[in-house]
Protein backbone atom coordinates (compact mmCIF):
# COMPACT_ATOMS: atom_id res chain seq x y z
CA MET A 1 62.82 -62.59 -33.33
CA PRO A 2 59.84 -60.39 -33.75
CA LEU A 3 59.92 -57.69 -31.06
CA PRO A 4 57.16 -57.99 -28.00
CA VAL A 5 54.31 -56.33 -27.97
CA GLY A 6 53.72 -53.76 -24.85
CA VAL A 7 50.50 -54.40 -22.65
CA LEU A 8 49.02 -51.64 -21.15
CA GLY A 9 47.99 -53.11 -18.02
CA GLY A 10 46.20 -52.63 -14.50
CA THR A 11 42.50 -51.00 -15.36
CA GLY A 12 41.39 -53.46 -13.92
CA PRO A 13 44.00 -56.04 -13.11
CA LEU A 14 41.58 -59.46 -13.25
CA ALA A 15 40.13 -58.01 -17.06
CA THR A 16 44.24 -57.83 -17.80
CA ALA A 17 45.46 -61.50 -16.53
CA HIS A 18 42.21 -62.47 -18.65
CA PHE A 19 43.47 -60.59 -21.23
CA LEU A 20 46.51 -62.20 -20.89
CA ARG A 21 45.01 -65.61 -20.65
CA ARG A 22 42.58 -65.01 -24.21
CA VAL A 23 46.12 -64.18 -26.08
CA VAL A 24 47.52 -68.07 -25.44
CA GLU A 25 43.79 -69.51 -25.83
CA LEU A 26 43.48 -67.83 -29.39
CA THR A 27 46.73 -68.34 -30.25
CA ASP A 28 47.41 -71.28 -33.14
CA ALA A 29 50.29 -72.66 -31.75
CA ALA A 30 51.81 -76.28 -32.08
CA GLN A 31 55.01 -75.02 -29.52
CA GLU A 32 55.43 -72.41 -27.04
CA GLN A 33 57.39 -70.44 -29.82
CA ASP A 34 54.46 -69.88 -31.43
CA HIS A 35 53.13 -67.45 -29.45
CA VAL A 36 53.29 -63.82 -28.79
CA ARG A 37 56.73 -61.73 -27.06
CA LEU A 38 54.86 -59.42 -24.21
CA ILE A 39 55.66 -57.29 -21.76
CA VAL A 40 53.39 -56.18 -19.26
CA MET A 41 52.87 -52.84 -17.62
CA GLN A 42 49.67 -54.01 -14.44
CA ASP A 43 49.57 -50.84 -12.90
CA PRO A 44 46.79 -50.81 -10.76
CA ALA A 45 47.22 -47.51 -9.37
CA ILE A 46 46.09 -46.06 -12.19
CA PRO A 47 43.26 -43.13 -11.01
CA ASP A 48 39.66 -44.42 -11.93
CA ARG A 49 38.42 -43.62 -15.42
CA THR A 50 34.96 -43.13 -15.01
CA SER A 51 35.18 -41.25 -12.06
CA PHE A 52 36.81 -38.70 -13.95
CA LEU A 53 35.26 -38.59 -17.59
CA THR A 54 32.21 -38.25 -15.52
CA HIS A 55 33.55 -35.73 -13.49
CA ARG A 56 33.79 -37.06 -9.74
CA SER A 57 37.69 -36.81 -9.66
CA ASP A 58 40.40 -34.34 -10.56
CA ALA A 59 42.89 -37.15 -10.88
CA ASP A 60 43.46 -37.53 -14.60
CA PRO A 61 44.55 -41.27 -15.52
CA GLY A 62 46.16 -39.88 -19.04
CA VAL A 63 48.90 -38.68 -17.03
CA PRO A 64 50.22 -42.47 -16.06
CA LEU A 65 49.06 -44.03 -18.92
CA VAL A 66 50.92 -42.47 -21.30
CA ASP A 67 54.35 -42.85 -18.58
CA ASN A 68 53.51 -46.14 -18.76
CA ALA A 69 53.19 -46.12 -22.50
CA ARG A 70 56.87 -44.14 -22.67
CA THR A 71 58.31 -47.24 -20.38
CA LEU A 72 57.75 -49.71 -22.40
CA GLU A 73 58.40 -47.66 -25.70
CA ARG A 74 62.11 -47.63 -23.76
CA CYS A 75 61.29 -51.52 -23.54
CA GLY A 76 61.59 -52.12 -27.32
CA VAL A 77 57.82 -53.04 -27.94
CA SER A 78 56.35 -53.49 -31.45
CA PHE A 79 52.94 -51.63 -30.69
CA LEU A 80 51.17 -51.30 -27.36
CA VAL A 81 47.24 -52.73 -26.91
CA MET A 82 45.45 -52.02 -23.72
CA PRO A 83 43.09 -54.09 -21.85
CA CYS A 84 40.45 -51.38 -20.67
CA ASN A 85 37.81 -49.41 -22.90
CA THR A 86 37.09 -46.79 -21.06
CA ALA A 87 40.62 -45.65 -20.60
CA HIS A 88 40.37 -45.62 -24.85
CA HIS A 89 39.48 -42.31 -24.29
CA PHE A 90 43.01 -41.11 -23.89
CA ALA A 91 44.21 -43.37 -26.71
CA ASP A 92 44.99 -40.52 -28.63
CA ARG A 93 47.05 -38.54 -26.20
CA ILE A 94 48.99 -42.03 -25.30
CA ALA A 95 49.47 -42.17 -29.55
CA ALA A 96 50.68 -38.71 -29.66
CA ALA A 97 53.50 -39.12 -26.92
CA VAL A 98 55.18 -42.68 -27.83
CA GLU A 99 56.21 -44.14 -31.44
CA PRO A 100 54.76 -47.55 -31.20
CA PRO A 101 51.27 -47.66 -32.53
CA LEU A 102 48.26 -48.24 -30.25
CA VAL A 103 46.04 -50.99 -31.02
CA SER A 104 42.43 -49.97 -30.44
CA ILE A 105 39.79 -52.09 -28.41
CA VAL A 106 37.24 -50.06 -29.91
CA ASP A 107 38.20 -50.34 -33.43
CA ALA A 108 38.81 -53.96 -33.20
CA THR A 109 35.52 -54.72 -31.67
CA VAL A 110 33.55 -52.90 -33.97
CA GLU A 111 35.28 -54.70 -37.56
CA ALA A 112 34.87 -57.96 -34.85
CA VAL A 113 30.81 -57.00 -35.18
CA LEU A 114 31.20 -56.48 -39.17
CA ARG A 115 32.57 -59.97 -38.85
CA ARG A 116 30.40 -61.11 -37.24
CA ARG A 117 26.76 -60.14 -38.60
CA PRO A 118 27.55 -57.73 -41.81
CA GLY A 119 24.38 -56.66 -42.03
CA ALA A 120 23.93 -55.30 -38.37
CA GLN A 121 21.65 -51.84 -37.96
CA ALA A 122 21.27 -51.61 -34.42
CA VAL A 123 24.52 -52.72 -31.75
CA GLY A 124 23.47 -52.90 -28.27
CA VAL A 125 26.27 -51.55 -25.88
CA LEU A 126 27.06 -52.57 -22.35
CA SER A 127 30.21 -50.21 -20.76
CA THR A 128 30.91 -48.22 -17.81
CA ASP A 129 29.25 -44.65 -17.35
CA GLY A 130 32.64 -43.44 -18.01
CA SER A 131 32.92 -44.97 -21.84
CA SER A 132 29.06 -44.42 -22.26
CA THR A 133 29.48 -40.06 -21.24
CA VAL A 134 31.89 -39.66 -23.66
CA GLY A 135 30.60 -41.85 -26.42
CA LEU A 136 32.96 -43.69 -27.36
CA TYR A 137 31.31 -46.85 -29.28
CA PRO A 138 28.14 -44.78 -30.31
CA ASP A 139 30.80 -42.42 -31.93
CA ALA A 140 32.76 -45.55 -33.38
CA PHE A 141 29.62 -47.24 -34.64
CA ARG A 142 27.61 -44.18 -35.87
CA ALA A 143 31.16 -43.32 -38.10
CA ARG A 144 29.99 -47.10 -39.66
CA GLY A 145 26.40 -46.26 -40.18
CA ILE A 146 25.52 -48.86 -36.92
CA LYS A 147 23.20 -47.21 -34.05
CA ALA A 148 24.41 -47.71 -30.46
CA LEU A 149 21.78 -48.82 -27.94
CA GLU A 150 22.94 -48.53 -24.69
CA PRO A 151 21.07 -49.58 -21.23
CA ASP A 152 18.14 -47.04 -19.64
CA PRO A 153 19.29 -45.72 -16.46
CA SER A 154 18.07 -48.26 -13.94
CA ASP A 155 19.68 -51.72 -16.30
CA GLN A 156 23.02 -48.91 -16.54
CA ALA A 157 23.50 -49.03 -12.66
CA LEU A 158 22.88 -53.07 -12.79
CA VAL A 159 25.78 -53.21 -15.34
CA MET A 160 28.24 -50.82 -12.85
CA GLU A 161 27.17 -52.97 -9.83
CA GLN A 162 28.51 -55.71 -11.92
CA ILE A 163 31.73 -53.93 -12.62
CA TYR A 164 32.84 -52.00 -9.15
CA GLY A 165 30.38 -53.98 -6.74
CA ARG A 166 31.45 -57.51 -8.14
CA VAL A 167 34.43 -58.09 -10.29
CA LYS A 168 36.69 -54.86 -8.55
CA ALA A 169 35.64 -55.34 -5.76
CA GLY A 170 36.75 -59.26 -5.72
CA ARG A 171 32.76 -60.35 -5.16
CA PRO A 172 31.30 -63.04 -6.92
CA ALA A 173 29.46 -61.57 -10.03
CA ASP A 174 25.58 -62.12 -11.20
CA PRO A 175 25.75 -63.74 -14.73
CA GLY A 176 21.96 -63.25 -14.02
CA ALA A 177 21.64 -59.84 -14.21
CA VAL A 178 23.88 -58.95 -17.21
CA ARG A 179 21.90 -61.41 -19.23
CA ASP A 180 18.77 -59.35 -18.66
CA VAL A 181 19.81 -56.26 -19.36
CA VAL A 182 21.41 -57.86 -22.80
CA ASP A 183 17.74 -59.47 -23.27
CA ARG A 184 16.15 -56.02 -22.68
CA LEU A 185 18.73 -54.50 -25.80
CA LEU A 186 17.89 -57.39 -27.73
CA GLY A 187 14.26 -56.67 -27.23
CA ARG A 188 14.75 -53.05 -28.44
CA GLY A 189 15.87 -53.74 -31.38
CA ALA A 190 19.93 -54.84 -30.90
CA ASP A 191 20.97 -57.41 -33.58
CA LEU A 192 24.07 -58.19 -31.41
CA VAL A 193 25.00 -56.94 -27.91
CA VAL A 194 28.27 -55.89 -27.60
CA VAL A 195 30.70 -56.61 -24.07
CA ALA A 196 32.51 -53.41 -24.08
CA CYS A 197 33.95 -53.85 -19.98
CA THR A 198 37.07 -55.82 -19.49
CA GLU A 199 35.31 -56.80 -16.22
CA LEU A 200 32.10 -57.53 -18.01
CA SER A 201 33.99 -59.80 -20.33
CA VAL A 202 35.44 -61.55 -16.86
CA ILE A 203 32.03 -62.43 -15.67
CA ALA A 204 30.45 -63.47 -19.59
CA SER A 205 33.87 -65.80 -20.52
CA GLN A 206 33.55 -66.94 -16.40
CA HIS A 207 29.81 -67.67 -16.68
CA GLY A 208 29.45 -69.08 -20.46
CA LEU A 209 27.80 -66.28 -21.79
CA LEU A 210 30.11 -66.15 -24.87
CA ASP A 211 29.05 -69.47 -26.38
CA ASP A 212 26.03 -67.26 -27.29
CA PRO A 213 26.38 -66.10 -31.03
CA VAL A 214 24.61 -62.51 -30.21
CA LEU A 215 27.34 -61.60 -27.73
CA VAL A 216 30.25 -59.84 -29.18
CA ASP A 217 33.04 -60.02 -26.75
CA SER A 218 35.77 -56.54 -27.01
CA LEU A 219 38.48 -58.24 -25.40
CA ASP A 220 38.37 -61.36 -26.95
CA ALA A 221 38.53 -58.83 -30.39
CA LEU A 222 41.80 -57.07 -28.94
CA ALA A 223 43.30 -60.81 -28.14
CA ARG A 224 42.77 -61.66 -31.53
CA ALA A 225 43.96 -58.19 -33.29
CA THR A 226 47.01 -58.39 -30.73
CA ILE A 227 47.63 -62.02 -32.35
CA LEU A 228 47.23 -61.18 -36.22
CA ARG A 229 49.36 -58.12 -35.51
CA ALA A 230 51.88 -59.81 -34.35
CA GLY A 231 52.67 -61.53 -36.80
CA ARG A 232 50.71 -64.74 -34.70
CA VAL A 233 47.57 -67.62 -36.37
CA ALA A 234 44.77 -66.63 -34.44
CA HIS A 235 41.79 -69.74 -33.90
CA PRO A 236 38.49 -69.18 -35.46
CA ASP A 237 36.07 -66.65 -33.91
CA THR A 238 34.04 -69.02 -32.79
CA PRO A 239 31.74 -67.96 -29.78
CA SER A 240 31.61 -71.49 -28.69
CA ALA A 241 35.31 -71.57 -27.69
CA ALA A 242 36.27 -72.63 -24.35
CA PRO A 243 36.96 -69.88 -22.54
CA MET A 244 38.73 -69.17 -18.84
CA GLY A 245 36.65 -70.10 -16.33
CA SER A 246 33.38 -71.16 -18.28
CA ALA A 247 31.98 -74.86 -17.67
CA ARG A 248 34.16 -76.45 -19.85
CA ALA A 249 37.77 -74.64 -18.76
CA SER A 250 39.55 -74.64 -15.87
CA SER A 251 39.15 -71.68 -13.83
CA LEU A 252 41.30 -68.76 -12.23
CA PRO A 253 40.99 -69.43 -8.35
């Protein structure tokens, strides 16, 4: 029996729940025994990553993230995944603290972009202020010869409102606002736009935005990487695959 996968979750809770569902939905399974074994550490008490990275808080999220990784290591997991983009700023600290490798959502997303558009020259990035501050995706794309386009300050404020004022606050999202930011990035020359915050992944999935092949979802990229690394089979990467909460799939309350 394969060893389970350890999930460093809770950042945020709904995004983690969505990730777990996408791992199930994207696994090509004929029976329940074909699915990925998972041990989930759902810890919403971890300090806010963006507040720390933008120097608005001294509470270091890296400390509990490492502690949780060590807990999962003691559970005997084969590798770790973390369905939060901003938290990947701490990936090196986590990797240095435990033996099980951490599969990077950033690396998985960059590879998904290259599969979707092999000749991409510029990619739009929808992320938190924290991810943007540390250059999480711009650095990763630059290493592959791709320019990262981020929203201008007014559009970034709209993005942050959807993440913190809507999804994390348990309030209804405004998918039209997200789509408008996407369109403006495309207008600036982006070949694709990456949904590089897992709260935005929830919005994009619930409202069918991912049916548009111009959008590459980081959470789905991580889900597929998890399935494959665990030795299971993933469904093809098709933007029309029915996501959680879309008009064509049953939604969570």
